[in-house]
Amino acid sequence: MSAEDRAKATAKNIEGKAQEALGNITGDPEDKAEGKAKQAEGQTRHAAEDVKDEVKKNL
């Protein structure tokens, strides 16, 4: 996984956690849902890059 892709995925995860926390504080269910979605996107990006790395390793 490139360092840039890993940083982007981590940033998306952190952004999602912050937005979810804001939603919890303000009681806004939309912010909570969007935050969770961003976290899932970050995790998906990490998983995709892990698969790419594994394929490259096995070639």
N, C-alpha and C. Protein backbone atom coordinates (compact mmCIF):
# COMPACT_ATOMS: atom_id res chain seq x y z
N MET A 1 0.85 -1.17 0.00
CA MET A 1 0.00 0.00 0.00
C MET A 1 0.88 1.22 0.00
N SER A 2 0.56 2.13 -0.87
CA SER A 2 1.35 3.35 -0.89
C SER A 2 1.06 4.17 0.36
N ALA A 3 2.04 4.90 0.77
CA ALA A 3 1.88 5.73 1.97
C ALA A 3 0.79 6.77 1.78
N GLU A 4 0.67 7.28 0.57
CA GLU A 4 -0.36 8.28 0.31
C GLU A 4 -1.77 7.68 0.43
N ASP A 5 -1.97 6.49 -0.11
CA ASP A 5 -3.28 5.84 -0.03
C ASP A 5 -3.62 5.49 1.42
N ARG A 6 -2.63 5.02 2.15
CA ARG A 6 -2.85 4.68 3.56
C ARG A 6 -3.21 5.95 4.35
N ALA A 7 -2.54 7.05 4.07
CA ALA A 7 -2.82 8.31 4.76
C ALA A 7 -4.23 8.80 4.44
N LYS A 8 -4.64 8.68 3.18
CA LYS A 8 -5.98 9.10 2.79
C LYS A 8 -7.05 8.26 3.49
N ALA A 9 -6.83 6.95 3.55
CA ALA A 9 -7.79 6.07 4.21
C ALA A 9 -7.87 6.36 5.70
N THR A 10 -6.73 6.61 6.32
CA THR A 10 -6.70 6.94 7.74
C THR A 10 -7.38 8.28 8.00
N ALA A 11 -7.13 9.24 7.13
CA ALA A 11 -7.76 10.56 7.28
C ALA A 11 -9.28 10.44 7.16
N LYS A 12 -9.75 9.62 6.24
CA LYS A 12 -11.19 9.43 6.06
C LYS A 12 -11.79 8.80 7.32
N ASN A 13 -11.08 7.86 7.90
CA ASN A 13 -11.54 7.20 9.12
C ASN A 13 -11.61 8.20 10.27
N ILE A 14 -10.58 9.02 10.42
CA ILE A 14 -10.56 10.03 11.49
C ILE A 14 -11.66 11.05 11.27
N GLU A 15 -11.83 11.48 10.03
CA GLU A 15 -12.90 12.43 9.71
C GLU A 15 -14.26 11.84 10.10
N GLY A 16 -14.45 10.58 9.80
CA GLY A 16 -15.71 9.92 10.15
C GLY A 16 -15.93 9.83 11.64
N LYS A 17 -14.87 9.51 12.37
CA LYS A 17 -15.00 9.43 13.83
C LYS A 17 -15.36 10.79 14.42
N ALA A 18 -14.74 11.84 13.89
CA ALA A 18 -15.03 13.19 14.39
C ALA A 18 -16.47 13.58 14.07
N GLN A 19 -16.92 13.27 12.88
CA GLN A 19 -18.29 13.62 12.50
C GLN A 19 -19.30 12.82 13.31
N GLU A 20 -19.00 11.56 13.56
CA GLU A 20 -19.90 10.75 14.38
C GLU A 20 -19.96 11.30 15.81
N ALA A 21 -18.82 11.69 16.35
CA ALA A 21 -18.78 12.26 17.69
C ALA A 21 -19.58 13.56 17.75
N LEU A 22 -19.44 14.39 16.72
CA LEU A 22 -20.21 15.63 16.66
C LEU A 22 -21.70 15.32 16.63
N GLY A 23 -22.07 14.33 15.86
CA GLY A 23 -23.47 13.92 15.81
C GLY A 23 -23.98 13.44 17.16
N ASN A 24 -23.13 12.74 17.89
CA ASN A 24 -23.51 12.29 19.23
C ASN A 24 -23.70 13.47 20.18
N ILE A 25 -22.83 14.45 20.07
CA ILE A 25 -22.91 15.62 20.94
C ILE A 25 -24.14 16.47 20.62
N THR A 26 -24.37 16.69 19.34
CA THR A 26 -25.48 17.55 18.93
C THR A 26 -26.80 16.80 18.83
N GLY A 27 -26.74 15.48 18.84
CA GLY A 27 -27.95 14.68 18.69
C GLY A 27 -28.45 14.61 17.26
N ASP A 28 -27.58 14.89 16.32
CA ASP A 28 -27.94 14.88 14.89
C ASP A 28 -27.70 13.48 14.31
N PRO A 29 -28.77 12.74 14.05
CA PRO A 29 -28.58 11.38 13.52
C PRO A 29 -27.95 11.35 12.13
N GLU A 30 -28.15 12.42 11.35
CA GLU A 30 -27.56 12.47 10.01
C GLU A 30 -26.04 12.55 10.10
N ASP A 31 -25.53 13.39 11.00
CA ASP A 31 -24.07 13.47 11.19
C ASP A 31 -23.51 12.14 11.68
N LYS A 32 -24.21 11.49 12.58
CA LYS A 32 -23.75 10.19 13.08
C LYS A 32 -23.67 9.18 11.93
N ALA A 33 -24.71 9.15 11.12
CA ALA A 33 -24.75 8.19 10.01
C ALA A 33 -23.65 8.49 8.98
N GLU A 34 -23.48 9.76 8.65
CA GLU A 34 -22.42 10.13 7.68
C GLU A 34 -21.04 9.79 8.24
N GLY A 35 -20.86 10.01 9.54
CA GLY A 35 -19.58 9.69 10.17
C GLY A 35 -19.29 8.19 10.09
N LYS A 36 -20.29 7.39 10.37
CA LYS A 36 -20.11 5.94 10.29
C LYS A 36 -19.82 5.51 8.85
N ALA A 37 -20.48 6.15 7.90
CA ALA A 37 -20.25 5.82 6.49
C ALA A 37 -18.81 6.16 6.08
N LYS A 38 -18.31 7.29 6.54
CA LYS A 38 -16.92 7.67 6.22
C LYS A 38 -15.94 6.70 6.84
N GLN A 39 -16.24 6.24 8.05
CA GLN A 39 -15.36 5.25 8.68
C GLN A 39 -15.35 3.95 7.88
N ALA A 40 -16.52 3.54 7.42
CA ALA A 40 -16.60 2.33 6.62
C ALA A 40 -15.83 2.50 5.31
N GLU A 41 -15.92 3.69 4.72
CA GLU A 41 -15.17 3.96 3.48
C GLU A 41 -13.67 3.85 3.73
N GLY A 42 -13.21 4.40 4.84
CA GLY A 42 -11.79 4.31 5.17
C GLY A 42 -11.34 2.87 5.36
N GLN A 43 -12.17 2.08 6.03
CA GLN A 43 -11.83 0.67 6.24
C GLN A 43 -11.82 -0.09 4.92
N THR A 44 -12.75 0.24 4.04
CA THR A 44 -12.81 -0.40 2.72
C THR A 44 -11.57 -0.07 1.91
N ARG A 45 -11.14 1.19 1.97
CA ARG A 45 -9.93 1.58 1.25
C ARG A 45 -8.71 0.81 1.77
N HIS A 46 -8.62 0.66 3.09
CA HIS A 46 -7.51 -0.11 3.67
C HIS A 46 -7.56 -1.55 3.17
N ALA A 47 -8.73 -2.14 3.19
CA ALA A 47 -8.87 -3.54 2.75
C ALA A 47 -8.49 -3.69 1.28
N ALA A 48 -8.92 -2.76 0.45
CA ALA A 48 -8.58 -2.83 -0.97
C ALA A 48 -7.08 -2.73 -1.19
N GLU A 49 -6.44 -1.86 -0.47
CA GLU A 49 -4.99 -1.71 -0.62
C GLU A 49 -4.27 -2.95 -0.08
N ASP A 50 -4.80 -3.56 0.97
CA ASP A 50 -4.21 -4.80 1.47
C ASP A 50 -4.28 -5.90 0.43
N VAL A 51 -5.40 -5.98 -0.28
CA VAL A 51 -5.55 -6.97 -1.34
C VAL A 51 -4.54 -6.70 -2.46
N LYS A 52 -4.41 -5.44 -2.85
CA LYS A 52 -3.43 -5.08 -3.88
C LYS A 52 -2.02 -5.49 -3.47
N ASP A 53 -1.68 -5.21 -2.21
CA ASP A 53 -0.35 -5.57 -1.71
C ASP A 53 -0.14 -7.07 -1.75
N GLU A 54 -1.17 -7.82 -1.38
CA GLU A 54 -1.05 -9.28 -1.36
C GLU A 54 -0.87 -9.83 -2.78
N VAL A 55 -1.59 -9.27 -3.74
CA VAL A 55 -1.46 -9.70 -5.13
C VAL A 55 -0.05 -9.41 -5.64
N LYS A 56 0.44 -8.21 -5.37
CA LYS A 56 1.79 -7.84 -5.80
C LYS A 56 2.83 -8.78 -5.18
N LYS A 57 2.61 -9.12 -3.92
CA LYS A 57 3.55 -9.99 -3.22
C LYS A 57 3.59 -11.38 -3.84
N ASN A 58 2.45 -11.85 -4.31
CA ASN A 58 2.36 -13.20 -4.86
C ASN A 58 2.72 -13.29 -6.33
N LEU A 59 2.97 -12.17 -6.98
CA LEU A 59 3.33 -12.21 -8.40
C LEU A 59 4.79 -12.46 -8.60
